[in-house]
C-alpha atoms as a PDB file:
ATOM      1  CA  MET A   1      54.217  89.320 142.962  1.00  0.00           C
ATOM      2  CA  ILE A   2      52.578  86.409 141.154  1.00  0.00           C
ATOM      3  CA  LYS A   3      54.349  83.194 142.047  1.00  0.00           C
ATOM      4  CA  LYS A   4      55.086  80.994 139.045  1.00  0.00           C
ATOM      5  CA  LEU A   5      54.693  77.235 139.281  1.00  0.00           C
ATOM      6  CA  PHE A   6      56.684  74.877 137.100  1.00  0.00           C
ATOM      7  CA  ILE A   7      56.322  71.098 136.977  1.00  0.00           C
ATOM      8  CA  ALA A   8      59.171  68.728 136.164  1.00  0.00           C
ATOM      9  CA  THR A   9      59.546  64.981 136.358  1.00  0.00           C
ATOM     10  CA  LEU A  10      62.705  63.447 137.685  1.00  0.00           C
ATOM     11  CA  PHE A  11      64.451  60.235 136.826  1.00  0.00           C
ATOM     12  CA  THR A  12      63.030  57.355 138.893  1.00  0.00           C
ATOM     13  CA  PHE A  13      65.694  55.807 141.103  1.00  0.00           C
ATOM     14  CA  THR A  14      65.834  52.104 141.795  1.00  0.00           C
ATOM     15  CA  SER A  15      66.405  50.803 145.306  1.00  0.00           C
ATOM     16  CA  SER A  16      70.048  50.082 144.490  1.00  0.00           C
ATOM     17  CA  HIS A  17      70.919  53.580 143.265  1.00  0.00           C
ATOM     18  CA  LEU A  18      73.817  55.203 145.097  1.00  0.00           C
ATOM     19  CA  ILE A  19      75.422  58.641 145.080  1.00  0.00           C
ATOM     20  CA  ALA A  20      78.707  57.228 143.753  1.00  0.00           C
ATOM     21  CA  ALA A  21      80.786  56.008 146.709  1.00  0.00           C
ATOM     22  CA  ALA A  22      79.355  58.603 149.070  1.00  0.00           C
ATOM     23  CA  TYR A  23      76.900  58.091 151.879  1.00  0.00           C
ATOM     24  CA  PRO A  24      74.045  57.994 152.633  1.00  0.00           C
ATOM     25  CA  THR A  25      72.910  55.204 150.365  1.00  0.00           C
ATOM     26  CA  ILE A  26      69.883  56.260 148.337  1.00  0.00           C
ATOM     27  CA  ASN A  27      66.940  53.885 148.780  1.00  0.00           C
ATOM     28  CA  PRO A  28      63.548  55.513 147.999  1.00  0.00           C
ATOM     29  CA  VAL A  29      61.283  53.243 150.057  1.00  0.00           C
ATOM     30  CA  PRO A  30      59.321  53.848 153.274  1.00  0.00           C
ATOM     31  CA  GLY A  31      61.932  54.671 155.914  1.00  0.00           C
ATOM     32  CA  GLY A  32      64.555  55.302 153.242  1.00  0.00           C
ATOM     33  CA  ILE A  33      66.050  58.291 151.421  1.00  0.00           C
ATOM     34  CA  ALA A  34      65.352  59.792 147.994  1.00  0.00           C
ATOM     35  CA  THR A  35      67.680  62.137 146.158  1.00  0.00           C
ATOM     36  CA  ILE A  36      66.627  65.053 143.960  1.00  0.00           C
ATOM     37  CA  ASP A  37      69.126  66.369 141.389  1.00  0.00           C
ATOM     38  CA  LEU A  38      69.175  70.173 141.651  1.00  0.00           C
ATOM     39  CA  GLY A  39      71.961  70.805 139.134  1.00  0.00           C
ATOM     40  CA  SER A  40      75.220  72.760 139.293  1.00  0.00           C
ATOM     41  CA  GLU A  41      73.453  76.132 138.862  1.00  0.00           C
ATOM     42  CA  PHE A  42      71.391  75.704 142.020  1.00  0.00           C
ATOM     43  CA  LYS A  43      71.751  78.509 144.566  1.00  0.00           C
ATOM     44  CA  PRO A  44      72.224  77.297 148.159  1.00  0.00           C
ATOM     45  CA  SER A  45      69.967  80.120 149.360  1.00  0.00           C
ATOM     46  CA  THR A  46      67.070  78.379 147.580  1.00  0.00           C
ATOM     47  CA  LYS A  47      64.938  76.202 149.873  1.00  0.00           C
ATOM     48  CA  VAL A  48      63.535  72.732 149.216  1.00  0.00           C
ATOM     49  CA  TYR A  49      60.498  71.310 151.019  1.00  0.00           C
ATOM     50  CA  PHE A  50      58.911  67.874 151.295  1.00  0.00           C
ATOM     51  CA  GLN A  51      55.541  67.572 153.030  1.00  0.00           C
ATOM     52  CA  LYS A  52      56.061  71.145 154.321  1.00  0.00           C
ATOM     53  CA  LYS A  53      59.366  70.186 155.960  1.00  0.00           C
ATOM     54  CA  ARG A  54      62.630  71.748 154.817  1.00  0.00           C
ATOM     55  CA  VAL A  55      65.063  69.326 153.171  1.00  0.00           C
ATOM     56  CA  LEU A  56      68.843  68.958 153.409  1.00  0.00           C
ATOM     57  CA  ILE A  57      70.833  70.022 150.326  1.00  0.00           C
ATOM     58  CA  LYS A  58      74.500  69.355 149.600  1.00  0.00           C
ATOM     59  CA  ARG A  59      76.979  69.025 146.759  1.00  0.00           C
ATOM     60  CA  ASP A  60      77.804  65.607 145.322  1.00  0.00           C
ATOM     61  CA  GLU A  61      81.207  64.406 144.097  1.00  0.00           C
ATOM     62  CA  ASN A  62      80.613  66.153 140.742  1.00  0.00           C
ATOM     63  CA  ASN A  63      80.000  69.485 142.489  1.00  0.00           C
ATOM     64  CA  ALA A  64      76.286  69.372 141.609  1.00  0.00           C
ATOM     65  CA  TRP A  65      73.623  70.129 144.202  1.00  0.00           C
ATOM     66  CA  GLN A  66      71.267  67.454 145.465  1.00  0.00           C
ATOM     67  CA  ALA A  67      68.428  67.318 147.961  1.00  0.00           C
ATOM     68  CA  LEU A  68      68.339  64.369 150.382  1.00  0.00           C
ATOM     69  CA  VAL A  69      64.761  63.558 151.365  1.00  0.00           C
ATOM     70  CA  GLY A  70      63.907  61.396 154.363  1.00  0.00           C
ATOM     71  CA  LEU A  71      60.834  59.234 153.657  1.00  0.00           C
ATOM     72  CA  PRO A  72      58.379  58.323 156.457  1.00  0.00           C
ATOM     73  CA  LEU A  73      57.650  54.684 157.231  1.00  0.00           C
ATOM     74  CA  LYS A  74      53.973  55.407 156.522  1.00  0.00           C
ATOM     75  CA  ILE A  75      54.546  56.912 153.071  1.00  0.00           C
ATOM     76  CA  LYS A  76      52.575  55.268 150.259  1.00  0.00           C
ATOM     77  CA  PRO A  77      54.395  53.882 147.197  1.00  0.00           C
ATOM     78  CA  GLY A  78      54.062  55.948 144.045  1.00  0.00           C
ATOM     79  CA  ASN A  79      54.962  59.428 142.865  1.00  0.00           C
ATOM     80  CA  HIS A  80      55.695  62.191 145.353  1.00  0.00           C
ATOM     81  CA  LYS A  81      56.972  65.728 145.015  1.00  0.00           C
ATOM     82  CA  VAL A  82      59.268  68.316 146.527  1.00  0.00           C
ATOM     83  CA  THR A  83      58.771  72.056 146.224  1.00  0.00           C
ATOM     84  CA  ILE A  84      61.729  74.295 145.389  1.00  0.00           C
ATOM     85  CA  VAL A  85      61.344  77.913 146.503  1.00  0.00           C
ATOM     86  CA  LYS A  86      63.663  80.654 145.223  1.00  0.00           C
ATOM     87  CA  ASN A  87      64.357  83.913 147.048  1.00  0.00           C
ATOM     88  CA  ASN A  88      62.020  85.820 144.744  1.00  0.00           C
ATOM     89  CA  GLY A  89      59.117  83.522 145.643  1.00  0.00           C
ATOM     90  CA  THR A  90      59.159  81.534 142.400  1.00  0.00           C
ATOM     91  CA  LYS A  91      58.294  77.875 142.983  1.00  0.00           C
ATOM     92  CA  SER A  92      58.997  74.736 140.998  1.00  0.00           C
ATOM     93  CA  ILE A  93      58.001  71.152 141.678  1.00  0.00           C
ATOM     94  CA  ARG A  94      60.077  68.030 141.110  1.00  0.00           C
ATOM     95  CA  THR A  95      58.566  64.555 141.306  1.00  0.00           C
ATOM     96  CA  PHE A  96      60.159  61.285 142.355  1.00  0.00           C
ATOM     97  CA  ALA A  97      59.007  57.700 142.807  1.00  0.00           C
ATOM     98  CA  VAL A  98      58.843  55.705 146.046  1.00  0.00           C
ATOM     99  CA  ALA A  99      58.892  51.913 145.876  1.00  0.00           C
ATOM    100  CA  ASP A 100      57.170  49.613 148.375  1.00  0.00           C
ATOM    101  CA  LYS A 101      58.949  47.722 151.147  1.00  0.00           C
ATOM    102  CA  ASP A 102      57.589  45.194 153.603  1.00  0.00           C
ATOM    103  CA  TYR A 103      59.095  44.973 157.086  1.00  0.00           C
ATOM    104  CA  GLU A 104      58.949  41.838 159.198  1.00  0.00           C
ATOM    105  CA  THR A 105      57.114  41.429 162.500  1.00  0.00           C
ATOM    106  CA  ARG A 106      58.955  40.497 165.687  1.00  0.00           C
ATOM    107  CA  HIS A 107      57.667  39.560 169.161  1.00  0.00           C
ATOM    108  CA  ILE A 108      59.590  41.037 172.100  1.00  0.00           C
ATOM    109  CA  THR A 109      59.332  40.286 175.808  1.00  0.00           C
ATOM    110  CA  ILE A 110      59.906  43.123 178.284  1.00  0.00           C
ATOM    111  CA  LYS A 111      60.238  42.021 181.919  1.00  0.00           C
ATOM    112  CA  ASN A 112      59.409  45.459 183.310  1.00  0.00           C
ATOM    113  CA  LYS A 113      55.664  45.456 182.600  1.00  0.00           C
ATOM    114  CA  ARG A 114      55.390  49.199 183.336  1.00  0.00           C
ATOM    115  CA  MET A 115      57.316  49.792 180.114  1.00  0.00           C
ATOM    116  CA  VAL A 116      54.570  47.984 178.198  1.00  0.00           C
ATOM    117  CA  SER A 117      51.538  49.009 180.263  1.00  0.00           C
ATOM    118  CA  PRO A 118      52.567  52.294 181.925  1.00  0.00           C
ATOM    119  CA  THR A 119      50.800  53.659 184.989  1.00  0.00           C
ATOM    120  CA  LYS A 120      48.982  56.997 184.828  1.00  0.00           C
ATOM    121  CA  LYS A 121      51.979  58.610 186.513  1.00  0.00           C
ATOM    122  CA  ASP A 122      54.255  57.112 183.847  1.00  0.00           C
ATOM    123  CA  ILE A 123      52.010  58.343 181.044  1.00  0.00           C
ATOM    124  CA  ASP A 124      51.862  61.830 182.540  1.00  0.00           C
ATOM    125  CA  ARG A 125      55.648  61.867 182.685  1.00  0.00           C
ATOM    126  CA  HIS A 126      55.895  60.707 179.062  1.00  0.00           C
ATOM    127  CA  TYR A 127      53.599  63.485 177.827  1.00  0.00           C
ATOM    128  CA  LYS A 128      55.669  66.071 179.676  1.00  0.00           C
ATOM    129  CA  GLU A 129      58.861  64.733 178.107  1.00  0.00           C
ATOM    130  CA  LYS A 130      57.526  64.264 174.570  1.00  0.00           C
ATOM    131  CA  PRO A 131      57.608  67.970 173.559  1.00  0.00           C
ATOM    132  CA  LEU A 132      61.315  68.111 174.475  1.00  0.00           C
ATOM    133  CA  ILE A 133      62.056  65.138 172.217  1.00  0.00           C
ATOM    134  CA  VAL A 134      59.901  66.515 169.398  1.00  0.00           C
ATOM    135  CA  ALA A 135      61.621  69.914 169.591  1.00  0.00           C
ATOM    136  CA  ALA A 136      65.083  68.339 169.408  1.00  0.00           C
ATOM    137  CA  LEU A 137      64.192  66.287 166.315  1.00  0.00           C
ATOM    138  CA  LYS A 138      62.665  69.351 164.589  1.00  0.00           C
ATOM    139  CA  LYS A 139      65.755  71.516 165.013  1.00  0.00           C
ATOM    140  CA  TRP A 140      67.163  73.171 161.888  1.00  0.00           C
ATOM    141  CA  SER A 141      70.595  74.789 161.687  1.00  0.00           C
ATOM    142  CA  ASP A 142      72.197  76.152 158.523  1.00  0.00           C
ATOM    143  CA  ASN A 143      75.321  74.259 157.522  1.00  0.00           C
ATOM    144  CA  ASN A 144      76.621  74.075 153.947  1.00  0.00           C
ATOM    145  CA  ASN A 145      78.986  71.211 154.737  1.00  0.00           C
ATOM    146  CA  VAL A 146      76.889  68.554 156.461  1.00  0.00           C
ATOM    147  CA  GLN A 147      78.847  65.346 157.058  1.00  0.00           C
ATOM    148  CA  THR A 148      76.809  62.337 155.899  1.00  0.00           C
ATOM    149  CA  ASP A 149      79.489  59.628 155.788  1.00  0.00           C
ATOM    150  CA  PHE A 150      78.891  58.234 159.269  1.00  0.00           C
ATOM    151  CA  THR A 151      80.899  55.814 161.347  1.00  0.00           C
ATOM    152  CA  SER A 152      79.079  53.349 163.598  1.00  0.00           C
ATOM    153  CA  PRO A 153      78.512  54.899 167.049  1.00  0.00           C
ATOM    154  CA  VAL A 154      79.277  51.658 168.860  1.00  0.00           C
ATOM    155  CA  LYS A 155      81.003  48.354 168.132  1.00  0.00           C
ATOM    156  CA  GLY A 156      78.432  45.612 168.413  1.00  0.00           C
ATOM    157  CA  ARG A 157      75.818  43.451 166.735  1.00  0.00           C
ATOM    158  CA  PHE A 158      72.788  44.837 164.922  1.00  0.00           C
ATOM    159  CA  SER A 159      70.241  43.188 167.200  1.00  0.00           C
ATOM    160  CA  SER A 160      67.057  44.864 165.937  1.00  0.00           C
ATOM    161  CA  ILE A 161      66.924  46.529 162.545  1.00  0.00           C
ATOM    162  CA  PHE A 162      65.032  49.639 161.534  1.00  0.00           C
ATOM    163  CA  GLY A 163      61.377  49.397 160.503  1.00  0.00           C
ATOM    164  CA  LEU A 164      60.413  46.201 162.303  1.00  0.00           C
ATOM    165  CA  LYS A 165      56.787  45.748 163.326  1.00  0.00           C
ATOM    166  CA  ARG A 166      57.197  44.923 167.005  1.00  0.00           C
ATOM    167  CA  ILE A 167      54.719  43.362 169.404  1.00  0.00           C
ATOM    168  CA  TYR A 168      55.539  43.664 173.118  1.00  0.00           C
ATOM    169  CA  ASN A 169      54.499  40.883 175.514  1.00  0.00           C
ATOM    170  CA  ASN A 170      51.942  39.481 173.026  1.00  0.00           C
ATOM    171  CA  GLN A 171      49.807  42.622 173.035  1.00  0.00           C
ATOM    172  CA  LYS A 172      47.700  43.284 169.930  1.00  0.00           C
ATOM    173  CA  ARG A 173      49.182  46.731 169.323  1.00  0.00           C
ATOM    174  CA  ILE A 174      51.990  46.904 166.744  1.00  0.00           C
ATOM    175  CA  ARG A 175      54.770  49.451 167.260  1.00  0.00           C
ATOM    176  CA  ARG A 176      57.244  50.373 164.522  1.00  0.00           C
ATOM    177  CA  HIS A 177      60.949  50.300 165.319  1.00  0.00           C
ATOM    178  CA  THR A 178      62.208  53.705 164.215  1.00  0.00           C
ATOM    179  CA  GLY A 179      65.872  53.192 165.021  1.00  0.00           C
ATOM    180  CA  LEU A 180      68.698  50.671 164.840  1.00  0.00           C
ATOM    181  CA  ASP A 181      69.556  48.624 167.937  1.00  0.00           C
ATOM    182  CA  ILE A 182      73.214  47.740 168.429  1.00  0.00           C
ATOM    183  CA  ALA A 183      73.806  45.178 171.178  1.00  0.00           C
ATOM    184  CA  ALA A 184      76.980  45.630 173.220  1.00  0.00           C
ATOM    185  CA  PRO A 185      78.082  45.049 176.832  1.00  0.00           C
ATOM    186  CA  GLN A 186      77.075  47.669 179.360  1.00  0.00           C
ATOM    187  CA  GLY A 187      79.766  50.334 179.570  1.00  0.00           C
ATOM    188  CA  THR A 188      80.852  50.046 175.914  1.00  0.00           C
ATOM    189  CA  SER A 189      81.839  53.455 174.506  1.00  0.00           C
ATOM    190  CA  ILE A 190      79.411  55.305 172.227  1.00  0.00           C
ATOM    191  CA  THR A 191      80.906  57.852 169.833  1.00  0.00           C
ATOM    192  CA  SER A 192      79.494  60.539 167.562  1.00  0.00           C
ATOM    193  CA  PRO A 193      79.190  59.171 163.993  1.00  0.00           C
ATOM    194  CA  ALA A 194      79.950  62.609 162.502  1.00  0.00           C
ATOM    195  CA  LYS A 195      80.786  66.133 163.549  1.00  0.00           C
ATOM    196  CA  GLY A 196      77.934  68.021 165.165  1.00  0.00           C
ATOM    197  CA  THR A 197      76.606  69.875 168.196  1.00  0.00           C
ATOM    198  CA  VAL A 198      74.856  68.389 171.210  1.00  0.00           C
ATOM    199  CA  ILE A 199      71.277  69.731 171.285  1.00  0.00           C
ATOM    200  CA  ARG A 200      70.270  68.338 174.640  1.00  0.00           C
ATOM    201  CA  THR A 201      70.703  65.420 177.021  1.00  0.00           C
ATOM    202  CA  GLY A 202      68.198  64.003 179.467  1.00  0.00           C
ATOM    203  CA  SER A 203      66.563  61.024 181.110  1.00  0.00           C
ATOM    204  CA  TYR A 204      63.189  60.003 179.682  1.00  0.00           C
ATOM    205  CA  PHE A 205      60.681  57.311 180.603  1.00  0.00           C
ATOM    206  CA  PHE A 206      60.903  55.156 177.468  1.00  0.00           C
ATOM    207  CA  THR A 207      64.340  56.064 176.064  1.00  0.00           C
ATOM    208  CA  GLY A 208      66.240  56.338 179.349  1.00  0.00           C
ATOM    209  CA  ASN A 209      69.419  58.418 179.324  1.00  0.00           C
ATOM    210  CA  THR A 210      69.403  60.094 175.933  1.00  0.00           C
ATOM    211  CA  VAL A 211      71.618  62.369 173.806  1.00  0.00           C
ATOM    212  CA  PHE A 212      70.576  64.405 170.733  1.00  0.00           C
ATOM    213  CA  ILE A 213      73.161  65.645 168.201  1.00  0.00           C
ATOM    214  CA  ASP A 214      72.568  68.245 165.473  1.00  0.00           C
ATOM    215  CA  HIS A 215      74.650  67.607 162.330  1.00  0.00           C
ATOM    216  CA  GLY A 216      73.092  70.448 160.345  1.00  0.00           C
ATOM    217  CA  GLN A 217      70.160  71.091 157.990  1.00  0.00           C
ATOM    218  CA  GLY A 218      67.696  68.890 159.851  1.00  0.00           C
ATOM    219  CA  LEU A 219      69.996  65.866 160.169  1.00  0.00           C
ATOM    220  CA  ILE A 220      69.623  64.872 163.828  1.00  0.00           C
ATOM    221  CA  THR A 221      70.838  61.744 165.613  1.00  0.00           C
ATOM    222  CA  MET A 222      69.496  60.377 168.887  1.00  0.00           C
ATOM    223  CA  TYR A 223      71.138  57.905 171.290  1.00  0.00           C
ATOM    224  CA  CYS A 224      68.987  56.059 173.840  1.00  0.00           C
ATOM    225  CA  HIS A 225      69.292  53.791 176.917  1.00  0.00           C
ATOM    226  CA  LEU A 226      72.750  55.081 177.860  1.00  0.00           C
ATOM    227  CA  ASN A 227      74.357  54.007 181.112  1.00  0.00           C
ATOM    228  CA  LYS A 228      76.408  57.215 181.303  1.00  0.00           C
ATOM    229  CA  THR A 229      76.364  60.500 179.384  1.00  0.00           C
ATOM    230  CA  ASP A 230      79.710  62.263 178.829  1.00  0.00           C
ATOM    231  CA  VAL A 231      78.553  65.371 176.920  1.00  0.00           C
ATOM    232  CA  LYS A 232      76.366  68.402 177.557  1.00  0.00           C
ATOM    233  CA  ALA A 233      74.092  70.672 175.535  1.00  0.00           C
ATOM    234  CA  GLY A 234      75.959  73.095 173.274  1.00  0.00           C
ATOM    235  CA  GLN A 235      79.125  70.980 173.109  1.00  0.00           C
ATOM    236  CA  GLN A 236      80.829  70.759 169.708  1.00  0.00           C
ATOM    237  CA  LEU A 237      81.729  67.221 168.646  1.00  0.00           C
ATOM    238  CA  GLU A 238      84.125  65.707 166.139  1.00  0.00           C
ATOM    239  CA  GLN A 239      83.530  62.409 164.373  1.00  0.00           C
ATOM    240  CA  GLY A 240      84.509  59.576 166.721  1.00  0.00           C
ATOM    241  CA  GLN A 241      84.335  61.652 169.912  1.00  0.00           C
ATOM    242  CA  LYS A 242      82.900  59.798 172.911  1.00  0.00           C
ATOM    243  CA  ILE A 243      79.405  60.820 174.016  1.00  0.00           C
ATOM    244  CA  GLY A 244      78.623  58.129 176.600  1.00  0.00           C
ATOM    245  CA  THR A 245      78.370  54.393 177.282  1.00  0.00           C
ATOM    246  CA  VAL A 246      75.919  51.605 176.504  1.00  0.00           C
ATOM    247  CA  GLY A 247      73.339  50.919 179.200  1.00  0.00           C
ATOM    248  CA  MET A 248      69.911  49.500 180.017  1.00  0.00           C
ATOM    249  CA  THR A 249      67.898  52.580 181.002  1.00  0.00           C
ATOM    250  CA  GLY A 250      64.320  53.039 179.800  1.00  0.00           C
ATOM    251  CA  ARG A 251      62.383  50.340 177.904  1.00  0.00           C
ATOM    252  CA  VAL A 252      64.927  47.615 177.157  1.00  0.00           C
ATOM    253  CA  SER A 253      65.272  43.839 177.134  1.00  0.00           C
ATOM    254  CA  GLY A 254      69.065  43.966 177.481  1.00  0.00           C
ATOM    255  CA  PRO A 255      72.058  46.308 177.142  1.00  0.00           C
ATOM    256  CA  HIS A 256      72.153  48.035 173.765  1.00  0.00           C
ATOM    257  CA  LEU A 257      72.194  51.362 171.977  1.00  0.00           C
ATOM    258  CA  HIS A 258      68.976  52.440 170.266  1.00  0.00           C
ATOM    259  CA  TRP A 259      70.244  54.770 167.539  1.00  0.00           C
ATOM    260  CA  VAL A 260      67.876  57.094 165.683  1.00  0.00           C
ATOM    261  CA  VAL A 261      68.663  59.113 162.549  1.00  0.00           C
ATOM    262  CA  SER A 262      66.173  61.851 161.657  1.00  0.00           C
ATOM    263  CA  LEU A 263      66.290  63.620 158.282  1.00  0.00           C
ATOM    264  CA  ASN A 264      63.835  66.499 157.633  1.00  0.00           C
ATOM    265  CA  ASN A 265      62.168  65.529 160.919  1.00  0.00           C
ATOM    266  CA  THR A 266      61.596  62.007 159.586  1.00  0.00           C
ATOM    267  CA  LYS A 267      63.147  58.903 161.112  1.00  0.00           C
ATOM    268  CA  VAL A 268      65.061  56.895 158.504  1.00  0.00           C
ATOM    269  CA  ASP A 269      67.195  53.750 158.471  1.00  0.00           C
ATOM    270  CA  PRO A 270      70.552  54.571 160.143  1.00  0.00           C
ATOM    271  CA  LYS A 271      72.325  51.848 158.146  1.00  0.00           C
ATOM    272  CA  LEU A 272      71.936  53.994 155.017  1.00  0.00           C
ATOM    273  CA  PHE A 273      74.561  56.333 156.480  1.00  0.00           C
ATOM    274  CA  LEU A 274      77.098  53.568 157.139  1.00  0.00           C
ATOM    275  CA  ASN A 275      79.692  51.791 155.057  1.00  0.00           C
ATOM    276  CA  LEU A 276      78.793  48.291 156.225  1.00  0.00           C
ATOM    277  CA  ASN A 277      82.124  46.942 154.984  1.00  0.00           C
ATOM    278  CA  ASP A 278      83.679  48.899 157.847  1.00  0.00           C
ATOM    279  CA  THR A 279      81.051  47.882 160.405  1.00  0.00           C
ATOM    280  CA  LYS A 280      80.742  44.760 162.503  1.00  0.00           C
ATOM    281  CA  LYS A 281      77.365  43.321 161.551  1.00  0.00           C
END
């Protein structure tokens, strides 16, 4: 069968565009989220891809289908495209615009120098653990009712925002902060921001005690540096259910939760999934 290719141009969203009162907030910048209007006639069996990664689709408040696209921190401003693939192999392309965003640089001091300059044994351990983390963040599970209106997983202060360019112990290398740090006393409860399933738990060199939760269609959340883990792989979770407590395991400068949100295997700003009026800043 000859596959047909159609080109369409979408409305360009500004950085303040929202999907009504729903979450996540749409902010098409590096590390943000773009939305693609798929219309009310869209069939949920149709697949949408961005940079060869499958994209989450869901209905909006008007019962129309939309694709939610996670945008990498390294994406270049300008026009980008998603590919829509029907069951019969027919493809169409939709384009959308990504605006630029500059993130600030922050210097951080880590007392445990092994966490900045690991030994060979530490590096070997990290490379053994990395495939487990990568596999968890790549997981896809079909779910036509993905919950995207998150609650904050812990009560505390946003101590290090997403996207920062971070320099550890005055080294020249710049590392990007791909999560949201929430500072809270050790032992503070951490809860699931939405319903989901625990993918795996474990203890890793850099992230310490860690939990991964699958919310469906490539929306994965990750919780790092826990003091205690109260869930296990395969466990079904409701929004607000306890998963563990705040700790200082792994690479940390103090007790906090490092919270990662991954959408189509792309780490995006967790604050986009929160109603900040209901969150302690």
